[in-house]
Amino acid sequence: MRTILEGRKYRHFKGKAYVVIAIAMHTETEEQCVVYKGMYGDGTVYVRPYDMFASEVEREKYPDVEQRYRFELIEEEI
């Protein structure tokens, strides 16, 4: 599994940039989640399951996307 790094900037395959705030644990399921903030607009904070954040782009659904992963690291440090 890919390692997602806190405090780092990632680009979603649709083009927008986000910063990972924390890796969190779901209180009920103990599933790891990624807490991240949009670097555009009002800076909305989102949460997504870790496995989904780290996953590859669905090629059948998005055949023209150039990125390999749903979120890709674009900067070493912010």
C-alpha atoms as a PDB file:
ATOM      1  CA  MET A   1       0.000   0.000   0.000  1.00  0.00           C
ATOM      2  CA  ARG A   2       1.202   3.552  -0.769  1.00  0.00           C
ATOM      3  CA  THR A   3       2.244   5.763   2.099  1.00  0.00           C
ATOM      4  CA  ILE A   4       0.329   9.037   2.374  1.00  0.00           C
ATOM      5  CA  LEU A   5       2.286  11.751   4.176  1.00  0.00           C
ATOM      6  CA  GLU A   6       0.830  14.303   6.592  1.00  0.00           C
ATOM      7  CA  GLY A   7       1.600  17.935   5.841  1.00  0.00           C
ATOM      8  CA  ARG A   8       2.215  17.269   2.163  1.00  0.00           C
ATOM      9  CA  LYS A   9       0.471  18.609  -0.914  1.00  0.00           C
ATOM     10  CA  TYR A  10      -1.340  16.256  -3.320  1.00  0.00           C
ATOM     11  CA  ARG A  11      -3.117  16.767  -6.643  1.00  0.00           C
ATOM     12  CA  HIS A  12      -6.402  15.010  -7.287  1.00  0.00           C
ATOM     13  CA  PHE A  13      -6.605  13.481 -10.754  1.00  0.00           C
ATOM     14  CA  LYS A  14      -9.247  16.070 -11.683  1.00  0.00           C
ATOM     15  CA  GLY A  15      -6.674  18.816 -11.062  1.00  0.00           C
ATOM     16  CA  LYS A  16      -7.293  20.492  -7.691  1.00  0.00           C
ATOM     17  CA  ALA A  17      -4.650  20.631  -4.940  1.00  0.00           C
ATOM     18  CA  TYR A  18      -5.078  19.497  -1.330  1.00  0.00           C
ATOM     19  CA  VAL A  19      -2.930  19.319   1.777  1.00  0.00           C
ATOM     20  CA  VAL A  20      -3.108  16.251   4.025  1.00  0.00           C
ATOM     21  CA  ILE A  21      -3.816  17.384   7.576  1.00  0.00           C
ATOM     22  CA  ALA A  22      -3.790  14.016   9.358  1.00  0.00           C
ATOM     23  CA  ILE A  23      -4.192  10.282   9.124  1.00  0.00           C
ATOM     24  CA  ALA A  24      -7.109   9.441  11.418  1.00  0.00           C
ATOM     25  CA  MET A  25      -8.888   6.334  12.690  1.00  0.00           C
ATOM     26  CA  HIS A  26     -12.640   5.862  12.356  1.00  0.00           C
ATOM     27  CA  THR A  27     -14.058   5.440  15.877  1.00  0.00           C
ATOM     28  CA  GLU A  28     -16.479   2.659  14.974  1.00  0.00           C
ATOM     29  CA  THR A  29     -14.616   0.591  12.381  1.00  0.00           C
ATOM     30  CA  GLU A  30     -10.987   1.496  13.189  1.00  0.00           C
ATOM     31  CA  GLU A  31     -10.520   2.088   9.454  1.00  0.00           C
ATOM     32  CA  GLN A  32      -7.707   4.497   8.620  1.00  0.00           C
ATOM     33  CA  CYS A  33      -8.865   7.724   6.971  1.00  0.00           C
ATOM     34  CA  VAL A  34      -7.116  10.707   5.421  1.00  0.00           C
ATOM     35  CA  VAL A  35      -8.155  14.180   6.584  1.00  0.00           C
ATOM     36  CA  TYR A  36      -7.313  16.764   3.929  1.00  0.00           C
ATOM     37  CA  LYS A  37      -8.036  20.378   3.063  1.00  0.00           C
ATOM     38  CA  GLY A  38      -8.690  21.992  -0.290  1.00  0.00           C
ATOM     39  CA  MET A  39      -6.126  24.590  -1.322  1.00  0.00           C
ATOM     40  CA  TYR A  40      -8.762  26.556  -3.223  1.00  0.00           C
ATOM     41  CA  GLY A  41     -12.049  28.284  -2.457  1.00  0.00           C
ATOM     42  CA  ASP A  42     -12.935  28.319   1.235  1.00  0.00           C
ATOM     43  CA  GLY A  43     -10.464  25.545   2.141  1.00  0.00           C
ATOM     44  CA  THR A  44     -13.083  22.930   2.957  1.00  0.00           C
ATOM     45  CA  VAL A  45     -11.808  20.000   5.027  1.00  0.00           C
ATOM     46  CA  TYR A  46     -12.606  16.487   3.772  1.00  0.00           C
ATOM     47  CA  VAL A  47     -12.161  12.925   5.015  1.00  0.00           C
ATOM     48  CA  ARG A  48     -11.812   9.844   2.840  1.00  0.00           C
ATOM     49  CA  PRO A  49     -10.867   6.219   3.577  1.00  0.00           C
ATOM     50  CA  TYR A  50      -7.082   5.800   3.345  1.00  0.00           C
ATOM     51  CA  ASP A  51      -7.319   2.988   0.802  1.00  0.00           C
ATOM     52  CA  MET A  52      -9.495   5.132  -1.485  1.00  0.00           C
ATOM     53  CA  PHE A  53      -7.199   8.173  -1.153  1.00  0.00           C
ATOM     54  CA  ALA A  54      -4.182   6.018  -2.056  1.00  0.00           C
ATOM     55  CA  SER A  55      -5.916   4.075  -4.847  1.00  0.00           C
ATOM     56  CA  GLU A  56      -5.269   4.167  -8.565  1.00  0.00           C
ATOM     57  CA  VAL A  57      -7.624   6.021 -10.915  1.00  0.00           C
ATOM     58  CA  GLU A  58     -10.384   3.797 -12.321  1.00  0.00           C
ATOM     59  CA  ARG A  59      -9.264   3.485 -15.944  1.00  0.00           C
ATOM     60  CA  GLU A  60     -12.598   2.149 -17.186  1.00  0.00           C
ATOM     61  CA  LYS A  61     -14.432   5.181 -15.806  1.00  0.00           C
ATOM     62  CA  TYR A  62     -11.695   7.746 -16.600  1.00  0.00           C
ATOM     63  CA  PRO A  63      -9.724   6.403 -19.595  1.00  0.00           C
ATOM     64  CA  ASP A  64      -8.145   9.757 -20.536  1.00  0.00           C
ATOM     65  CA  VAL A  65      -6.666  10.646 -17.147  1.00  0.00           C
ATOM     66  CA  GLU A  66      -2.862  10.834 -17.163  1.00  0.00           C
ATOM     67  CA  GLN A  67      -2.283  10.431 -13.414  1.00  0.00           C
ATOM     68  CA  ARG A  68      -1.802   6.909 -12.135  1.00  0.00           C
ATOM     69  CA  TYR A  69      -3.209   7.552  -8.654  1.00  0.00           C
ATOM     70  CA  ARG A  70      -6.352   9.307  -7.437  1.00  0.00           C
ATOM     71  CA  PHE A  71      -4.111  11.668  -5.400  1.00  0.00           C
ATOM     72  CA  GLU A  72      -0.443  12.194  -6.284  1.00  0.00           C
ATOM     73  CA  LEU A  73       2.225  13.933  -4.230  1.00  0.00           C
ATOM     74  CA  ILE A  74       3.159  17.220  -5.887  1.00  0.00           C
ATOM     75  CA  GLU A  75       5.382  18.797  -3.276  1.00  0.00           C
ATOM     76  CA  GLU A  76       7.782  17.454  -0.674  1.00  0.00           C
ATOM     77  CA  GLU A  77       6.914  20.021   2.012  1.00  0.00           C
ATOM     78  CA  ILE A  78       4.580  22.945   2.461  1.00  0.00           C
END
